Amino acid sequence: LNTMRLVGQTLSMSIATLLISVYVGSASLAQTSSASLMAWIQVSFLVFAVLCLIGILPSLIRGSLHDDTPMH
């Protein structure tokens, strides 16, 4: 479980860094660059929402691991 958490954190930071470099580039962050920063934030939310939906699907397909009915 901890390995999967670490892999997820590493992957999300890599994606966020990639998106920052694509949308903001080497420009210094100032009020004039707020449009590129907002574009990066919107795209990153979209990317991570899609990744969350992809992660939900296998969990739904797997179903419950435990049977809640009492054993007799």
PDB file of N, CA and C in Angstrom:
ATOM      1  N   LEU A   1       0.827  -1.189   0.000  1.00  0.00           N
ATOM      2  CA  LEU A   1       0.000   0.000   0.000  1.00  0.00           C
ATOM      3  C   LEU A   1       0.871   1.253   0.000  1.00  0.00           C
ATOM      4  N   ASN A   2       1.908   1.239   0.830  1.00  0.00           N
ATOM      5  CA  ASN A   2       2.790   2.407   0.876  1.00  0.00           C
ATOM      6  C   ASN A   2       3.542   2.609  -0.434  1.00  0.00           C
ATOM      7  N   THR A   3       3.895   1.520  -1.088  1.00  0.00           N
ATOM      8  CA  THR A   3       4.575   1.635  -2.376  1.00  0.00           C
ATOM      9  C   THR A   3       3.673   2.291  -3.402  1.00  0.00           C
ATOM     10  N   MET A   4       2.410   1.906  -3.426  1.00  0.00           N
ATOM     11  CA  MET A   4       1.469   2.509  -4.372  1.00  0.00           C
ATOM     12  C   MET A   4       1.252   3.983  -4.073  1.00  0.00           C
ATOM     13  N   ARG A   5       1.213   4.339  -2.801  1.00  0.00           N
ATOM     14  CA  ARG A   5       1.076   5.750  -2.435  1.00  0.00           C
ATOM     15  C   ARG A   5       2.278   6.547  -2.917  1.00  0.00           C
ATOM     16  N   LEU A   6       3.472   6.002  -2.696  1.00  0.00           N
ATOM     17  CA  LEU A   6       4.686   6.697  -3.109  1.00  0.00           C
ATOM     18  C   LEU A   6       4.760   6.832  -4.624  1.00  0.00           C
ATOM     19  N   VAL A   7       4.386   5.775  -5.336  1.00  0.00           N
ATOM     20  CA  VAL A   7       4.370   5.838  -6.796  1.00  0.00           C
ATOM     21  C   VAL A   7       3.369   6.890  -7.269  1.00  0.00           C
ATOM     22  N   GLY A   8       2.193   6.957  -6.645  1.00  0.00           N
ATOM     23  CA  GLY A   8       1.193   7.958  -7.007  1.00  0.00           C
ATOM     24  C   GLY A   8       1.669   9.366  -6.744  1.00  0.00           C
ATOM     25  N   GLN A   9       2.312   9.579  -5.609  1.00  0.00           N
ATOM     26  CA  GLN A   9       2.837  10.911  -5.294  1.00  0.00           C
ATOM     27  C   GLN A   9       3.934  11.320  -6.273  1.00  0.00           C
ATOM     28  N   THR A  10       4.808  10.381  -6.587  1.00  0.00           N
ATOM     29  CA  THR A  10       5.895  10.672  -7.515  1.00  0.00           C
ATOM     30  C   THR A  10       5.354  10.964  -8.907  1.00  0.00           C
ATOM     31  N   LEU A  11       4.405  10.172  -9.343  1.00  0.00           N
ATOM     32  CA  LEU A  11       3.809  10.383 -10.663  1.00  0.00           C
ATOM     33  C   LEU A  11       3.075  11.716 -10.733  1.00  0.00           C
ATOM     34  N   SER A  12       2.328  12.068  -9.693  1.00  0.00           N
ATOM     35  CA  SER A  12       1.586  13.335  -9.723  1.00  0.00           C
ATOM     36  C   SER A  12       2.524  14.532  -9.709  1.00  0.00           C
ATOM     37  N   MET A  13       3.620  14.450  -8.961  1.00  0.00           N
ATOM     38  CA  MET A  13       4.578  15.559  -8.961  1.00  0.00           C
ATOM     39  C   MET A  13       5.282  15.677 -10.309  1.00  0.00           C
ATOM     40  N   SER A  14       5.532  14.555 -10.957  1.00  0.00           N
ATOM     41  CA  SER A  14       6.147  14.579 -12.286  1.00  0.00           C
ATOM     42  C   SER A  14       5.211  15.219 -13.306  1.00  0.00           C
ATOM     43  N   ILE A  15       3.950  14.865 -13.240  1.00  0.00           N
ATOM     44  CA  ILE A  15       2.968  15.447 -14.159  1.00  0.00           C
ATOM     45  C   ILE A  15       2.815  16.937 -13.903  1.00  0.00           C
ATOM     46  N   ALA A  16       2.740  17.332 -12.636  1.00  0.00           N
ATOM     47  CA  ALA A  16       2.601  18.755 -12.309  1.00  0.00           C
ATOM     48  C   ALA A  16       3.819  19.547 -12.779  1.00  0.00           C
ATOM     49  N   THR A  17       5.002  19.000 -12.593  1.00  0.00           N
ATOM     50  CA  THR A  17       6.220  19.683 -13.046  1.00  0.00           C
ATOM     51  C   THR A  17       6.256  19.795 -14.563  1.00  0.00           C
ATOM     52  N   LEU A  18       5.843  18.739 -15.247  1.00  0.00           N
ATOM     53  CA  LEU A  18       5.789  18.776 -16.704  1.00  0.00           C
ATOM     54  C   LEU A  18       4.820  19.842 -17.188  1.00  0.00           C
ATOM     55  N   LEU A  19       3.640  19.905 -16.576  1.00  0.00           N
ATOM     56  CA  LEU A  19       2.652  20.902 -16.992  1.00  0.00           C
ATOM     57  C   LEU A  19       3.129  22.325 -16.699  1.00  0.00           C
ATOM     58  N   ILE A  20       3.812  22.521 -15.586  1.00  0.00           N
ATOM     59  CA  ILE A  20       4.353  23.854 -15.290  1.00  0.00           C
ATOM     60  C   ILE A  20       5.371  24.251 -16.348  1.00  0.00           C
ATOM     61  N   SER A  21       6.254  23.332 -16.702  1.00  0.00           N
ATOM     62  CA  SER A  21       7.280  23.674 -17.684  1.00  0.00           C
ATOM     63  C   SER A  21       6.679  23.930 -19.063  1.00  0.00           C
ATOM     64  N   VAL A  22       5.586  23.244 -19.387  1.00  0.00           N
ATOM     65  CA  VAL A  22       4.952  23.456 -20.693  1.00  0.00           C
ATOM     66  C   VAL A  22       4.210  24.795 -20.727  1.00  0.00           C
ATOM     67  N   TYR A  23       3.443  25.110 -19.679  1.00  0.00           N
ATOM     68  CA  TYR A  23       2.599  26.294 -19.706  1.00  0.00           C
ATOM     69  C   TYR A  23       3.294  27.558 -19.223  1.00  0.00           C
ATOM     70  N   VAL A  24       4.163  27.448 -18.247  1.00  0.00           N
ATOM     71  CA  VAL A  24       4.818  28.636 -17.705  1.00  0.00           C
ATOM     72  C   VAL A  24       6.205  28.791 -18.301  1.00  0.00           C
ATOM     73  N   GLY A  25       6.903  27.694 -18.502  1.00  0.00           N
ATOM     74  CA  GLY A  25       8.232  27.749 -19.096  1.00  0.00           C
ATOM     75  C   GLY A  25       9.238  28.378 -18.153  1.00  0.00           C
ATOM     76  N   SER A  26      10.147  29.132 -18.705  1.00  0.00           N
ATOM     77  CA  SER A  26      11.189  29.760 -17.890  1.00  0.00           C
ATOM     78  C   SER A  26      10.821  31.170 -17.468  1.00  0.00           C
ATOM     79  N   ALA A  27       9.609  31.600 -17.728  1.00  0.00           N
ATOM     80  CA  ALA A  27       9.184  32.952 -17.346  1.00  0.00           C
ATOM     81  C   ALA A  27       9.073  33.047 -15.830  1.00  0.00           C
ATOM     82  N   SER A  28       9.438  34.174 -15.310  1.00  0.00           N
ATOM     83  CA  SER A  28       9.283  34.372 -13.865  1.00  0.00           C
ATOM     84  C   SER A  28       7.808  34.633 -13.565  1.00  0.00           C
ATOM     85  N   LEU A  29       7.372  34.169 -12.431  1.00  0.00           N
ATOM     86  CA  LEU A  29       5.970  34.333 -12.068  1.00  0.00           C
ATOM     87  C   LEU A  29       5.726  35.754 -11.577  1.00  0.00           C
ATOM     88  N   ALA A  30       4.882  36.432 -12.282  1.00  0.00           N
ATOM     89  CA  ALA A  30       4.495  37.802 -11.930  1.00  0.00           C
ATOM     90  C   ALA A  30       3.035  37.967 -12.318  1.00  0.00           C
ATOM     91  N   GLN A  31       2.491  39.140 -12.070  1.00  0.00           N
ATOM     92  CA  GLN A  31       1.087  39.366 -12.418  1.00  0.00           C
ATOM     93  C   GLN A  31       0.854  39.252 -13.914  1.00  0.00           C
ATOM     94  N   THR A  32       1.823  39.556 -14.711  1.00  0.00           N
ATOM     95  CA  THR A  32       1.636  39.490 -16.159  1.00  0.00           C
ATOM     96  C   THR A  32       1.554  38.057 -16.667  1.00  0.00           C
ATOM     97  N   SER A  33       2.063  37.101 -15.914  1.00  0.00           N
ATOM     98  CA  SER A  33       2.014  35.709 -16.353  1.00  0.00           C
ATOM     99  C   SER A  33       0.855  34.941 -15.729  1.00  0.00           C
ATOM    100  N   SER A  34      -0.121  35.642 -15.195  1.00  0.00           N
ATOM    101  CA  SER A  34      -1.235  34.960 -14.535  1.00  0.00           C
ATOM    102  C   SER A  34      -2.088  34.155 -15.512  1.00  0.00           C
ATOM    103  N   ALA A  35      -2.147  34.560 -16.769  1.00  0.00           N
ATOM    104  CA  ALA A  35      -2.938  33.813 -17.751  1.00  0.00           C
ATOM    105  C   ALA A  35      -2.338  32.428 -17.982  1.00  0.00           C
ATOM    106  N   SER A  36      -1.031  32.346 -18.116  1.00  0.00           N
ATOM    107  CA  SER A  36      -0.399  31.032 -18.319  1.00  0.00           C
ATOM    108  C   SER A  36      -0.490  30.188 -17.064  1.00  0.00           C
ATOM    109  N   LEU A  37      -0.425  30.824 -15.913  1.00  0.00           N
ATOM    110  CA  LEU A  37      -0.558  30.087 -14.658  1.00  0.00           C
ATOM    111  C   LEU A  37      -1.973  29.531 -14.507  1.00  0.00           C
ATOM    112  N   MET A  38      -2.972  30.305 -14.840  1.00  0.00           N
ATOM    113  CA  MET A  38      -4.356  29.821 -14.769  1.00  0.00           C
ATOM    114  C   MET A  38      -4.607  28.702 -15.777  1.00  0.00           C
ATOM    115  N   ALA A  39      -4.005  28.800 -16.952  1.00  0.00           N
ATOM    116  CA  ALA A  39      -4.147  27.736 -17.944  1.00  0.00           C
ATOM    117  C   ALA A  39      -3.528  26.450 -17.412  1.00  0.00           C
ATOM    118  N   TRP A  40      -2.364  26.565 -16.747  1.00  0.00           N
ATOM    119  CA  TRP A  40      -1.713  25.395 -16.174  1.00  0.00           C
ATOM    120  C   TRP A  40      -2.581  24.774 -15.088  1.00  0.00           C
ATOM    121  N   ILE A  41      -3.171  25.583 -14.242  1.00  0.00           N
ATOM    122  CA  ILE A  41      -4.004  25.066 -13.159  1.00  0.00           C
ATOM    123  C   ILE A  41      -5.229  24.345 -13.720  1.00  0.00           C
ATOM    124  N   GLN A  42      -5.857  24.916 -14.728  1.00  0.00           N
ATOM    125  CA  GLN A  42      -7.041  24.292 -15.320  1.00  0.00           C
ATOM    126  C   GLN A  42      -6.688  22.956 -15.974  1.00  0.00           C
ATOM    127  N   VAL A  43      -5.601  22.919 -16.709  1.00  0.00           N
ATOM    128  CA  VAL A  43      -5.195  21.678 -17.366  1.00  0.00           C
ATOM    129  C   VAL A  43      -4.797  20.634 -16.332  1.00  0.00           C
ATOM    130  N   SER A  44      -4.111  21.044 -15.274  1.00  0.00           N
ATOM    131  CA  SER A  44      -3.694  20.071 -14.267  1.00  0.00           C
ATOM    132  C   SER A  44      -4.902  19.485 -13.545  1.00  0.00           C
ATOM    133  N   PHE A  45      -5.905  20.307 -13.242  1.00  0.00           N
ATOM    134  CA  PHE A  45      -7.120  19.764 -12.626  1.00  0.00           C
ATOM    135  C   PHE A  45      -7.801  18.774 -13.558  1.00  0.00           C
ATOM    136  N   LEU A  46      -7.835  19.071 -14.832  1.00  0.00           N
ATOM    137  CA  LEU A  46      -8.451  18.170 -15.800  1.00  0.00           C
ATOM    138  C   LEU A  46      -7.671  16.854 -15.894  1.00  0.00           C
ATOM    139  N   VAL A  47      -6.359  16.934 -15.976  1.00  0.00           N
ATOM    140  CA  VAL A  47      -5.529  15.730 -16.071  1.00  0.00           C
ATOM    141  C   VAL A  47      -5.714  14.856 -14.831  1.00  0.00           C
ATOM    142  N   PHE A  48      -5.664  15.466 -13.647  1.00  0.00           N
ATOM    143  CA  PHE A  48      -5.777  14.676 -12.423  1.00  0.00           C
ATOM    144  C   PHE A  48      -7.195  14.151 -12.204  1.00  0.00           C
ATOM    145  N   ALA A  49      -8.204  14.857 -12.685  1.00  0.00           N
ATOM    146  CA  ALA A  49      -9.572  14.340 -12.600  1.00  0.00           C
ATOM    147  C   ALA A  49      -9.726  13.102 -13.481  1.00  0.00           C
ATOM    148  N   VAL A  50      -9.149  13.144 -14.671  1.00  0.00           N
ATOM    149  CA  VAL A  50      -9.205  11.982 -15.564  1.00  0.00           C
ATOM    150  C   VAL A  50      -8.455  10.804 -14.943  1.00  0.00           C
ATOM    151  N   LEU A  51      -7.285  11.066 -14.341  1.00  0.00           N
ATOM    152  CA  LEU A  51      -6.542   9.993 -13.686  1.00  0.00           C
ATOM    153  C   LEU A  51      -7.323   9.399 -12.517  1.00  0.00           C
ATOM    154  N   CYS A  52      -8.041  10.234 -11.790  1.00  0.00           N
ATOM    155  CA  CYS A  52      -8.866   9.724 -10.685  1.00  0.00           C
ATOM    156  C   CYS A  52      -9.987   8.842 -11.210  1.00  0.00           C
ATOM    157  N   LEU A  53     -10.628   9.255 -12.296  1.00  0.00           N
ATOM    158  CA  LEU A  53     -11.696   8.444 -12.881  1.00  0.00           C
ATOM    159  C   LEU A  53     -11.157   7.114 -13.389  1.00  0.00           C
ATOM    160  N   ILE A  54      -9.968   7.138 -13.977  1.00  0.00           N
ATOM    161  CA  ILE A  54      -9.352   5.893 -14.435  1.00  0.00           C
ATOM    162  C   ILE A  54      -9.063   4.984 -13.246  1.00  0.00           C
ATOM    163  N   GLY A  55      -8.663   5.555 -12.129  1.00  0.00           N
ATOM    164  CA  GLY A  55      -8.399   4.766 -10.934  1.00  0.00           C
ATOM    165  C   GLY A  55      -9.648   4.222 -10.276  1.00  0.00           C
ATOM    166  N   ILE A  56     -10.755   4.915 -10.432  1.00  0.00           N
ATOM    167  CA  ILE A  56     -12.010   4.466  -9.837  1.00  0.00           C
ATOM    168  C   ILE A  56     -12.559   3.239 -10.570  1.00  0.00           C
ATOM    169  N   LEU A  57     -12.388   3.199 -11.866  1.00  0.00           N
ATOM    170  CA  LEU A  57     -12.955   2.106 -12.659  1.00  0.00           C
ATOM    171  C   LEU A  57     -12.462   0.725 -12.220  1.00  0.00           C
ATOM    172  N   PRO A  58     -11.154   0.487 -12.069  1.00  0.00           N
ATOM    173  CA  PRO A  58     -10.739  -0.844 -11.600  1.00  0.00           C
ATOM    174  C   PRO A  58     -11.257  -1.173 -10.207  1.00  0.00           C
ATOM    175  N   SER A  59     -11.380  -0.155  -9.377  1.00  0.00           N
ATOM    176  CA  SER A  59     -11.894  -0.388  -8.030  1.00  0.00           C
ATOM    177  C   SER A  59     -13.358  -0.824  -8.074  1.00  0.00           C
ATOM    178  N   LEU A  60     -14.139  -0.218  -8.950  1.00  0.00           N
ATOM    179  CA  LEU A  60     -15.546  -0.612  -9.088  1.00  0.00           C
ATOM    180  C   LEU A  60     -15.673  -2.002  -9.706  1.00  0.00           C
ATOM    181  N   ILE A  61     -14.808  -2.296 -10.661  1.00  0.00           N
ATOM    182  CA  ILE A  61     -14.858  -3.598 -11.314  1.00  0.00           C
ATOM    183  C   ILE A  61     -14.471  -4.705 -10.333  1.00  0.00           C
ATOM    184  N   ARG A  62     -13.485  -4.429  -9.485  1.00  0.00           N
ATOM    185  CA  ARG A  62     -13.025  -5.417  -8.516  1.00  0.00           C
ATOM    186  C   ARG A  62     -14.124  -5.785  -7.545  1.00  0.00           C
ATOM    187  N   GLY A  63     -14.903  -4.808  -7.125  1.00  0.00           N
ATOM    188  CA  GLY A  63     -15.979  -5.070  -6.178  1.00  0.00           C
ATOM    189  C   GLY A  63     -15.468  -5.144  -4.764  1.00  0.00           C
ATOM    190  N   SER A  64     -16.271  -5.686  -3.907  1.00  0.00           N
ATOM    191  CA  SER A  64     -15.928  -5.774  -2.496  1.00  0.00           C
ATOM    192  C   SER A  64     -15.003  -6.960  -2.252  1.00  0.00           C
ATOM    193  N   LEU A  65     -14.004  -6.752  -1.416  1.00  0.00           N
ATOM    194  CA  LEU A  65     -13.091  -7.837  -1.066  1.00  0.00           C
ATOM    195  C   LEU A  65     -13.627  -8.693   0.063  1.00  0.00           C
ATOM    196  N   HIS A  66     -14.534  -8.140   0.836  1.00  0.00           N
ATOM    197  CA  HIS A  66     -15.069  -8.841   1.998  1.00  0.00           C
ATOM    198  C   HIS A  66     -16.559  -9.077   1.816  1.00  0.00           C
ATOM    199  N   ASP A  67     -16.988 -10.258   2.186  1.00  0.00           N
ATOM    200  CA  ASP A  67     -18.412 -10.586   2.147  1.00  0.00           C
ATOM    201  C   ASP A  67     -19.008 -10.158   3.483  1.00  0.00           C
ATOM    202  N   ASP A  68     -20.008  -9.309   3.464  1.00  0.00           N
ATOM    203  CA  ASP A  68     -20.592  -8.778   4.685  1.00  0.00           C
ATOM    204  C   ASP A  68     -21.626  -9.701   5.319  1.00  0.00           C
ATOM    205  N   THR A  69     -21.936 -10.804   4.654  1.00  0.00           N
ATOM    206  CA  THR A  69     -22.918 -11.726   5.242  1.00  0.00           C
ATOM    207  C   THR A  69     -22.275 -12.541   6.356  1.00  0.00           C
ATOM    208  N   PRO A  70     -22.969 -12.732   7.471  1.00  0.00           N
ATOM    209  CA  PRO A  70     -22.389 -13.504   8.564  1.00  0.00           C
ATOM    210  C   PRO A  70     -22.274 -14.980   8.201  1.00  0.00           C
ATOM    211  N   MET A  71     -21.210 -15.611   8.681  1.00  0.00           N
ATOM    212  CA  MET A  71     -20.993 -17.030   8.413  1.00  0.00           C
ATOM    213  C   MET A  71     -21.672 -17.854   9.517  1.00  0.00           C
ATOM    214  N   HIS A  72     -22.318 -18.964   9.140  1.00  0.00           N
ATOM    215  CA  HIS A  72     -22.994 -19.819  10.128  1.00  0.00           C
ATOM    216  C   HIS A  72     -22.286 -21.129  10.251  1.00  0.00           C
TER     217      HIS A  72
END
